[in-house]
Amino acid sequence: MTGVAESSVRSRAKAAWRDLIASLDLRHFEHVGVLPERLATDDGLLSLPFGCTAEAMALTHVLAGSWCRRIAPQPTKAHHMRMIQALSLGGVIAVSVLTQQASAGDAQLPGYSEGAQVVRVEGNRSQVDQISGVIYSQIRSMRAIRQLRMSLLVPRTKDKKPAIVYFPGGGFTSADHEKYFELRSALAAAGFVVAAAEYRVVPDRFPALLEDGKAAVRYLRAHAAEYGIDPARIGVLGDSAGGYLSQMVGVTGGEKAFDKGDHLDQPSDVQAAVTLYGISNLLNIGEGFSPAVQLMHQSPAVTEALLVNGPAFRDFPGASISADPDKALAASPMGHLGGDEPPFLIMHGTADRLVSPVQSKQLFEGLRAKGGKADYVLVEGAGHGDLTWFQQPVIDRVVAWFKATLGGPIPGGGGKADPKSDL
């Protein structure tokens, strides 16, 4: 096809696309993650969510098919569908699809039959291996050993890779570490080793969860060669109560009192910390909320009080979080700011009704007052852990910040790939 003819085909394709989009109610595509304003552009086909969900895939195929019929109502082998760029969960796969009249060379391909479509795929995206059930710490008591697990996403490359430890939220009562796959997979696609770690929760008391967070960091450093990790570039990430733990790990670098368990020859300091709608001061989680919420946070049964003081038992009636302010502050990130913290990314939703946005505001101001480096992002209209946090702009911002702060993979030096890994 000559340059002039190819330009004509592209012009007709764009015109057909604009005509098709003008005839549709684009709101139907919002619930599968497609922005109407993005879809309405000349290259809007590239924003379609190929392969994400069955519903999204069905919408994509219907729309793409309608577009092709507008270009060529009665298609023949001479008509060309030039390119579809497919999006899949975890990153962008570069896929060029040419459906065209079979050439003499195609007819010689193994398995070829008349009418077959020949697809040629080009791309350099690496595979990512998921390793679940990794025991990173063992907590010994008189009659039992409790094993703490992490799940790893490891890009299958020979690069020396930065690593991220993700701590899940759960109100200090659960630590479902394999959630938030959308963000974890995006980080892995960008070249990071991502470890999602569970940790002890209530009724275990502070500093149990902090000891676990630091143990997870030490585990990665002790096994850096095994996973191709650069031990000098490890960051932490968490949301809600996990954001609290990410903050605590970030602000207690060098505080050896919290290093317990295995791999004590490895440091637990980190080089970057991200907190999403996290808690920075256990004393004022509901600041700015209604009097009823304020009263609830003074209950001895609220989870921050249980985390610091433990439950009522025998002759101990329980205690509110404010019963001992010094003790509560010592269990809070705001009580450990010293000016030597790693860079922080702090994000919070303006519509959060569970953890006050004041929590992120005071952390940002505290870090800046000590000369620390911190980026603060308010997400307008976002609630606490709602769907806003799973959208691409939020995920892209976190990934970009980690890449800018820790750097990307370094070619070579990350170990050899298993020659049998594709069997």
Protein backbone atom coordinates (compact mmCIF):
# COMPACT_ATOMS: atom_id res chain seq x y z
CA MET A 1 0.00 0.00 0.00
CA THR A 2 1.39 3.40 -0.96
CA GLY A 3 1.78 6.21 1.53
CA VAL A 4 -1.12 8.12 -0.09
CA ALA A 5 -3.42 5.08 -0.03
CA GLU A 6 -2.49 4.28 3.57
CA SER A 7 -3.21 7.89 4.58
CA SER A 8 -6.62 7.63 2.91
CA VAL A 9 -7.42 4.43 4.81
CA ARG A 10 -6.45 6.08 8.09
CA SER A 11 -8.58 9.14 7.33
CA ARG A 12 -11.62 6.97 6.55
CA ALA A 13 -11.02 4.93 9.70
CA LYS A 14 -10.88 8.04 11.91
CA ALA A 15 -13.97 9.50 10.31
CA ALA A 16 -15.85 6.22 10.79
CA TRP A 17 -14.75 6.11 14.42
CA ARG A 18 -15.95 9.67 15.11
CA ASP A 19 -19.27 8.89 13.42
CA LEU A 20 -19.72 5.74 15.50
CA ILE A 21 -18.88 7.43 18.81
CA ALA A 22 -21.31 10.27 18.08
CA SER A 23 -24.13 7.71 17.85
CA LEU A 24 -23.47 6.09 21.24
CA ASP A 25 -24.19 6.86 24.89
CA LEU A 26 -20.61 6.72 26.18
CA ARG A 27 -21.75 6.49 29.79
CA HIS A 28 -22.25 2.77 29.19
CA PHE A 29 -18.48 2.36 29.13
CA GLU A 30 -17.67 4.11 32.43
CA HIS A 31 -18.37 1.08 34.58
CA VAL A 32 -15.69 -0.96 32.81
CA GLY A 33 -13.05 1.71 33.37
CA VAL A 34 -13.18 3.61 30.05
CA LEU A 35 -13.32 7.40 30.22
CA PRO A 36 -15.87 8.81 27.72
CA GLU A 37 -13.63 11.77 26.90
CA ARG A 38 -10.78 9.37 26.09
CA LEU A 39 -13.01 7.15 23.95
CA ALA A 40 -14.18 10.12 21.90
CA THR A 41 -10.70 10.94 20.56
CA ASP A 42 -9.52 9.81 17.12
CA ASP A 43 -7.42 7.05 18.69
CA GLY A 44 -10.10 6.18 21.27
CA LEU A 45 -10.08 2.54 20.17
CA LEU A 46 -6.72 2.24 21.93
CA SER A 47 -8.42 2.91 25.28
CA LEU A 48 -10.74 -0.08 25.05
CA PRO A 49 -10.25 -2.62 27.89
CA PHE A 50 -9.30 -5.70 25.87
CA GLY A 51 -9.16 -8.80 28.06
CA CYS A 52 -9.82 -7.20 31.46
CA THR A 53 -13.24 -8.73 32.21
CA ALA A 54 -15.83 -10.67 30.24
CA GLU A 55 -18.15 -7.65 30.20
CA ALA A 56 -15.41 -5.27 29.09
CA MET A 57 -14.26 -7.71 26.43
CA ALA A 58 -17.82 -8.02 25.07
CA LEU A 59 -18.23 -4.24 24.87
CA THR A 60 -14.85 -3.96 23.17
CA HIS A 61 -15.67 -6.56 20.53
CA VAL A 62 -19.08 -5.00 19.75
CA LEU A 63 -17.63 -1.52 19.40
CA ALA A 64 -14.59 -2.60 17.37
CA GLY A 65 -16.81 -4.70 15.12
CA SER A 66 -19.20 -1.79 14.49
CA TRP A 67 -16.24 0.41 13.62
CA CYS A 68 -14.87 -2.09 11.10
CA ARG A 69 -18.29 -2.46 9.43
CA ARG A 70 -18.51 1.30 9.00
CA ILE A 71 -15.14 1.30 7.28
CA ALA A 72 -15.99 -1.67 5.07
CA PRO A 73 -19.70 -2.65 5.04
CA GLN A 74 -18.88 -5.61 2.77
CA PRO A 75 -15.32 -6.56 3.71
CA THR A 76 -13.12 -8.53 1.39
CA LYS A 77 -9.60 -9.86 1.70
CA ALA A 78 -8.36 -6.60 0.22
CA HIS A 79 -9.60 -4.58 3.20
CA HIS A 80 -7.14 -4.02 5.95
CA MET A 81 -7.74 -3.62 9.67
CA ARG A 82 -4.47 -1.90 10.41
CA MET A 83 -3.90 -2.02 14.14
CA ILE A 84 -5.51 -2.81 17.47
CA GLN A 85 -3.52 -2.06 20.59
CA ALA A 86 -4.80 -4.42 23.29
CA LEU A 87 -4.84 -3.58 26.97
CA SER A 88 -4.58 -6.40 29.53
CA LEU A 89 -4.60 -6.56 33.38
CA GLY A 90 -1.21 -5.62 34.73
CA GLY A 91 0.16 -3.49 31.86
CA VAL A 92 0.18 -2.74 28.16
CA ILE A 93 0.98 -5.47 25.65
CA ALA A 94 2.11 -4.15 22.28
CA VAL A 95 0.17 -6.22 19.76
CA SER A 96 -0.02 -5.44 16.05
CA VAL A 97 -2.80 -7.35 14.30
CA LEU A 98 -2.87 -7.45 10.51
CA THR A 99 -5.85 -9.21 8.94
CA GLN A 100 -5.08 -9.24 5.26
CA GLN A 101 -4.96 -11.25 2.10
CA ALA A 102 -2.70 -14.28 2.54
CA SER A 103 0.68 -13.96 0.95
CA ALA A 104 2.63 -16.76 -0.63
CA GLY A 105 4.89 -16.78 2.42
CA ASP A 106 1.94 -17.21 4.81
CA ALA A 107 0.77 -20.26 2.92
CA GLN A 108 4.05 -22.00 3.83
CA LEU A 109 3.54 -21.54 7.58
CA PRO A 110 3.07 -24.74 9.63
CA GLY A 111 -0.63 -25.29 10.28
CA TYR A 112 -1.77 -22.80 7.65
CA SER A 113 -5.12 -23.28 5.92
CA GLU A 114 -6.98 -21.17 3.38
CA GLY A 115 -8.90 -18.47 5.23
CA ALA A 116 -6.62 -18.50 8.28
CA GLN A 117 -5.71 -15.13 9.75
CA VAL A 118 -1.99 -14.71 10.39
CA VAL A 119 -1.14 -12.68 13.49
CA ARG A 120 2.35 -11.40 14.11
CA VAL A 121 3.07 -10.30 17.68
CA GLU A 122 5.88 -7.98 18.64
CA GLY A 123 6.66 -6.93 22.18
CA ASN A 124 9.25 -7.04 24.92
CA ARG A 125 7.08 -7.25 28.02
CA SER A 126 8.63 -9.64 30.55
CA GLN A 127 6.76 -12.31 32.42
CA VAL A 128 5.96 -11.91 36.10
CA ASP A 129 6.07 -14.90 38.42
CA GLN A 130 3.78 -15.08 41.43
CA ILE A 131 5.18 -16.93 44.41
CA SER A 132 2.62 -17.45 47.16
CA GLY A 133 2.85 -18.81 50.67
CA VAL A 134 6.38 -17.61 51.37
CA ILE A 135 7.15 -17.82 55.10
CA TYR A 136 9.03 -14.66 55.99
CA SER A 137 8.83 -14.81 59.79
CA GLN A 138 8.10 -17.32 62.53
CA ILE A 139 6.70 -16.07 65.82
CA ARG A 140 7.56 -18.42 68.66
CA SER A 141 5.45 -18.74 71.79
CA MET A 142 5.47 -21.29 74.60
CA ARG A 143 3.34 -23.87 72.80
CA ALA A 144 3.28 -22.84 69.16
CA ILE A 145 5.10 -21.29 66.23
CA ARG A 146 3.08 -18.89 64.11
CA GLN A 147 4.19 -18.48 60.52
CA LEU A 148 3.71 -15.18 58.72
CA ARG A 149 3.32 -15.28 54.95
CA MET A 150 3.99 -13.05 52.01
CA SER A 151 3.11 -13.31 48.34
CA LEU A 152 5.71 -12.20 45.80
CA LEU A 153 5.42 -10.85 42.27
CA VAL A 154 8.84 -11.21 40.62
CA PRO A 155 9.56 -9.96 37.08
CA ARG A 156 11.38 -12.72 35.22
CA THR A 157 14.41 -10.70 34.15
CA LYS A 158 18.14 -10.62 34.79
CA ASP A 159 17.86 -7.01 35.97
CA LYS A 160 18.71 -5.79 39.45
CA LYS A 161 15.29 -4.70 40.63
CA PRO A 162 13.99 -2.32 43.31
CA ALA A 163 11.47 -3.91 45.68
CA ILE A 164 8.25 -2.83 47.38
CA VAL A 165 6.62 -4.34 50.48
CA TYR A 166 2.85 -3.89 50.49
CA PHE A 167 0.95 -3.91 53.82
CA PRO A 168 -2.84 -4.31 53.50
CA GLY A 169 -5.43 -2.36 55.44
CA GLY A 170 -7.94 -4.03 57.69
CA GLY A 171 -8.71 -1.81 60.65
CA PHE A 172 -6.00 -3.48 62.76
CA THR A 173 -8.21 -6.60 62.83
CA SER A 174 -7.24 -8.31 59.55
CA ALA A 175 -4.30 -8.42 57.15
CA ASP A 176 -5.55 -9.89 53.88
CA HIS A 177 -2.24 -9.44 52.13
CA GLU A 178 -3.18 -10.67 48.64
CA LYS A 179 -5.62 -7.84 47.90
CA TYR A 180 -5.00 -4.65 45.87
CA PHE A 181 -3.70 -6.77 43.02
CA GLU A 182 -4.35 -3.94 40.58
CA LEU A 183 -1.63 -1.76 42.10
CA ARG A 184 0.73 -4.59 42.93
CA SER A 185 0.62 -5.97 39.39
CA ALA A 186 1.20 -2.52 37.91
CA LEU A 187 4.32 -2.14 40.03
CA ALA A 188 5.53 -5.58 38.96
CA ALA A 189 4.91 -4.70 35.31
CA ALA A 190 7.10 -1.62 35.86
CA GLY A 191 9.97 -3.85 36.98
CA PHE A 192 9.57 -3.91 40.77
CA VAL A 193 9.64 -7.01 42.93
CA VAL A 194 6.46 -6.68 45.00
CA ALA A 195 6.02 -8.52 48.30
CA ALA A 196 2.58 -8.41 49.93
CA ALA A 197 2.98 -9.26 53.60
CA GLU A 198 0.52 -10.23 56.29
CA TYR A 199 1.17 -9.05 59.85
CA ARG A 200 -0.18 -9.60 63.34
CA VAL A 201 -3.35 -7.73 64.25
CA VAL A 202 -5.55 -7.23 67.33
CA PRO A 203 -5.61 -8.89 69.85
CA ASP A 204 -1.82 -8.75 69.37
CA ARG A 205 -0.63 -5.44 70.72
CA PHE A 206 1.80 -2.83 69.45
CA PRO A 207 4.66 -3.19 68.54
CA ALA A 208 3.87 -6.67 67.13
CA LEU A 209 2.77 -5.41 63.70
CA LEU A 210 5.77 -3.06 63.42
CA GLU A 211 8.13 -5.91 64.27
CA ASP A 212 6.47 -7.90 61.47
CA GLY A 213 6.78 -5.07 58.97
CA LYS A 214 10.47 -4.73 59.67
CA ALA A 215 10.93 -8.50 59.49
CA ALA A 216 9.42 -8.46 55.99
CA VAL A 217 11.95 -5.86 54.84
CA ARG A 218 14.83 -7.82 56.36
CA TYR A 219 13.62 -11.01 54.66
CA LEU A 220 13.79 -9.36 51.23
CA ARG A 221 17.30 -8.12 51.88
CA ALA A 222 18.40 -11.56 53.09
CA HIS A 223 16.99 -13.13 49.90
CA ALA A 224 17.94 -10.32 47.51
CA ALA A 225 20.12 -12.53 45.32
CA GLU A 226 17.38 -15.15 45.05
CA TYR A 227 14.79 -12.69 43.71
CA GLY A 228 17.12 -10.31 41.86
CA ILE A 229 16.50 -7.47 44.31
CA ASP A 230 18.72 -4.44 44.79
CA PRO A 231 18.93 -4.38 48.62
CA ALA A 232 19.77 -0.67 48.59
CA ARG A 233 16.38 0.21 47.02
CA ILE A 234 13.44 -1.06 49.04
CA GLY A 235 10.22 0.85 49.62
CA VAL A 236 7.02 0.24 51.57
CA LEU A 237 3.40 0.81 50.61
CA GLY A 238 0.16 0.49 52.54
CA ASP A 239 -3.46 1.57 52.66
CA SER A 240 -5.48 2.50 55.79
CA ALA A 241 -4.06 0.45 58.69
CA GLY A 242 -1.46 -0.78 56.20
CA GLY A 243 -0.68 2.87 55.50
CA TYR A 244 -0.08 3.31 59.23
CA LEU A 245 2.35 0.38 59.14
CA SER A 246 4.08 1.73 56.04
CA GLN A 247 4.53 5.05 57.87
CA MET A 248 5.83 3.34 61.00
CA VAL A 249 8.40 1.33 59.07
CA GLY A 250 9.45 4.51 57.26
CA VAL A 251 9.85 6.71 60.34
CA THR A 252 11.58 4.15 62.60
CA GLY A 253 14.65 3.54 60.49
CA GLY A 254 17.57 2.89 62.80
CA GLU A 255 15.37 2.18 65.85
CA LYS A 256 16.74 -1.27 66.62
CA ALA A 257 14.28 -1.86 69.47
CA PHE A 258 11.69 -2.90 66.88
CA ASP A 259 13.95 -5.39 65.07
CA LYS A 260 12.97 -8.82 66.36
CA GLY A 261 13.10 -12.30 64.90
CA ASP A 262 15.12 -13.57 61.95
CA HIS A 263 17.75 -12.00 59.67
CA LEU A 264 18.86 -9.49 62.28
CA ASP A 265 22.10 -9.04 60.35
CA GLN A 266 20.05 -7.14 57.74
CA PRO A 267 18.84 -3.55 58.20
CA SER A 268 15.10 -2.81 58.15
CA ASP A 269 15.49 0.78 56.89
CA VAL A 270 13.62 1.67 53.70
CA GLN A 271 14.34 4.19 50.98
CA ALA A 272 10.75 5.21 50.15
CA ALA A 273 7.31 5.06 51.77
CA VAL A 274 3.80 5.45 50.34
CA THR A 275 0.73 5.78 52.53
CA LEU A 276 -2.82 5.78 51.15
CA TYR A 277 -5.47 7.17 53.54
CA GLY A 278 -3.28 6.00 56.43
CA ILE A 279 -3.19 6.82 60.14
CA SER A 280 -0.40 9.02 61.48
CA ASN A 281 -1.63 9.66 65.03
CA LEU A 282 -3.75 7.14 66.95
CA LEU A 283 -4.98 9.91 69.24
CA ASN A 284 -7.05 11.78 66.63
CA ILE A 285 -8.16 9.36 63.91
CA GLY A 286 -11.61 11.00 63.76
CA GLU A 287 -10.56 14.63 64.03
CA GLY A 288 -13.06 16.93 62.35
CA PHE A 289 -15.82 14.31 62.36
CA SER A 290 -19.11 14.45 64.29
CA PRO A 291 -19.28 14.36 68.13
CA ALA A 292 -20.71 10.83 67.90
CA VAL A 293 -17.64 9.64 65.99
CA GLN A 294 -15.34 11.45 68.42
CA LEU A 295 -17.07 9.66 71.31
CA MET A 296 -16.71 6.30 69.60
CA HIS A 297 -12.95 6.81 69.31
CA GLN A 298 -12.79 7.23 73.09
CA SER A 299 -14.19 3.75 73.65
CA PRO A 300 -11.86 1.14 75.19
CA ALA A 301 -13.24 -1.27 72.57
CA VAL A 302 -12.22 0.72 69.48
CA THR A 303 -9.42 -0.97 67.57
CA GLU A 304 -6.71 1.65 68.13
CA ALA A 305 -7.29 1.32 71.90
CA LEU A 306 -7.09 -2.47 71.64
CA LEU A 307 -3.90 -2.17 69.58
CA VAL A 308 -2.16 -0.05 72.22
CA ASN A 309 -3.77 -1.15 75.49
CA GLY A 310 -5.19 -4.59 74.80
CA PRO A 311 -8.67 -5.90 75.69
CA ALA A 312 -10.28 -5.90 79.11
CA PHE A 313 -9.29 -9.03 81.00
CA ARG A 314 -9.46 -10.10 84.64
CA ASP A 315 -8.83 -7.01 86.75
CA PHE A 316 -7.97 -4.78 83.73
CA PRO A 317 -11.15 -2.96 82.62
CA GLY A 318 -9.66 -1.79 79.33
CA ALA A 319 -8.54 1.75 78.50
CA SER A 320 -9.28 4.33 75.85
CA ILE A 321 -6.60 5.47 73.44
CA SER A 322 -6.35 8.79 75.28
CA ALA A 323 -5.85 7.15 78.68
CA ASP A 324 -2.09 7.37 78.17
CA PRO A 325 -1.30 9.95 75.46
CA ASP A 326 2.45 9.38 75.63
CA LYS A 327 2.00 5.66 75.09
CA ALA A 328 -0.35 6.29 72.16
CA LEU A 329 2.02 8.80 70.56
CA ALA A 330 4.92 6.36 70.92
CA ALA A 331 2.83 3.89 68.91
CA SER A 332 2.12 6.53 66.23
CA PRO A 333 4.22 7.73 63.28
CA MET A 334 3.92 11.33 64.51
CA GLY A 335 5.81 10.30 67.64
CA HIS A 336 8.91 9.23 65.68
CA LEU A 337 9.61 12.14 63.32
CA GLY A 338 13.25 13.05 63.59
CA GLY A 339 14.22 14.52 60.24
CA ASP A 340 15.97 11.47 58.80
CA GLU A 341 12.94 9.83 57.21
CA PRO A 342 12.96 8.54 53.62
CA PRO A 343 10.91 10.31 50.93
CA PHE A 344 7.15 9.95 51.44
CA LEU A 345 4.17 9.97 49.12
CA ILE A 346 1.02 10.73 51.12
CA MET A 347 -2.41 10.35 49.49
CA HIS A 348 -5.86 10.83 51.02
CA GLY A 349 -9.43 11.24 49.79
CA THR A 350 -11.31 14.41 50.61
CA ALA A 351 -14.52 12.40 51.19
CA ASP A 352 -12.97 9.92 53.63
CA ARG A 353 -15.41 9.38 56.53
CA LEU A 354 -13.48 6.65 58.32
CA VAL A 355 -9.95 8.04 58.68
CA SER A 356 -9.86 11.83 58.82
CA PRO A 357 -7.85 13.57 56.05
CA VAL A 358 -6.23 15.44 58.94
CA GLN A 359 -4.16 12.28 59.46
CA SER A 360 -2.33 12.82 56.17
CA LYS A 361 -2.22 16.60 56.50
CA GLN A 362 -0.44 16.46 59.87
CA LEU A 363 2.04 13.85 58.64
CA PHE A 364 2.90 15.96 55.59
CA GLU A 365 3.35 19.09 57.69
CA GLY A 366 5.36 17.21 60.32
CA LEU A 367 7.75 15.75 57.75
CA ARG A 368 8.23 19.10 56.04
CA ALA A 369 8.83 20.84 59.37
CA LYS A 370 11.69 18.41 60.04
CA GLY A 371 13.21 19.03 56.62
CA GLY A 372 11.94 15.78 55.16
CA LYS A 373 10.96 15.17 51.56
CA ALA A 374 7.23 14.53 51.13
CA ASP A 375 4.67 14.72 48.34
CA TYR A 376 1.05 15.18 49.42
CA VAL A 377 -1.86 14.38 47.08
CA LEU A 378 -5.50 14.99 47.97
CA VAL A 379 -7.85 12.92 45.81
CA GLU A 380 -10.98 15.02 45.47
CA GLY A 381 -14.19 13.15 46.21
CA ALA A 382 -12.48 9.88 47.11
CA GLY A 383 -13.76 7.93 50.09
CA HIS A 384 -11.97 5.40 52.26
CA GLY A 385 -10.75 2.57 50.05
CA ASP A 386 -13.51 3.10 47.48
CA LEU A 387 -13.26 2.41 43.75
CA THR A 388 -11.41 5.67 43.14
CA TRP A 389 -8.26 4.06 44.50
CA PHE A 390 -8.39 1.32 41.87
CA GLN A 391 -8.49 3.68 38.90
CA GLN A 392 -5.56 4.08 36.53
CA PRO A 393 -4.67 7.70 37.39
CA VAL A 394 -4.13 6.75 41.05
CA ILE A 395 -2.21 3.60 40.19
CA ASP A 396 -0.08 5.43 37.62
CA ARG A 397 0.79 8.15 40.12
CA VAL A 398 2.01 5.65 42.72
CA VAL A 399 4.03 3.69 40.15
CA ALA A 400 5.58 6.86 38.70
CA TRP A 401 6.49 8.13 42.17
CA PHE A 402 8.23 4.90 43.11
CA LYS A 403 10.11 4.90 39.78
CA ALA A 404 11.24 8.49 40.31
CA THR A 405 12.25 7.84 43.93
CA LEU A 406 13.83 4.38 43.77
CA GLY A 407 14.74 4.26 40.10
CA GLY A 408 13.99 1.48 37.65
CA PRO A 409 15.57 -1.93 37.09
CA ILE A 410 19.30 -1.97 36.36
CA PRO A 411 20.18 -4.24 33.40
CA GLY A 412 22.24 -7.22 34.47
CA GLY A 413 23.37 -8.05 37.97
CA GLY A 414 20.04 -9.55 38.99
CA GLY A 415 20.93 -13.20 38.65
CA LYS A 416 20.29 -15.74 35.92
CA ALA A 417 16.83 -16.73 34.80
CA ASP A 418 15.89 -20.37 35.27
CA PRO A 419 16.48 -22.06 31.86
CA LYS A 420 13.52 -24.36 32.57
CA SER A 421 11.17 -21.58 33.67
CA ASP A 422 9.06 -21.79 30.51
CA LEU A 423 8.51 -25.54 30.67
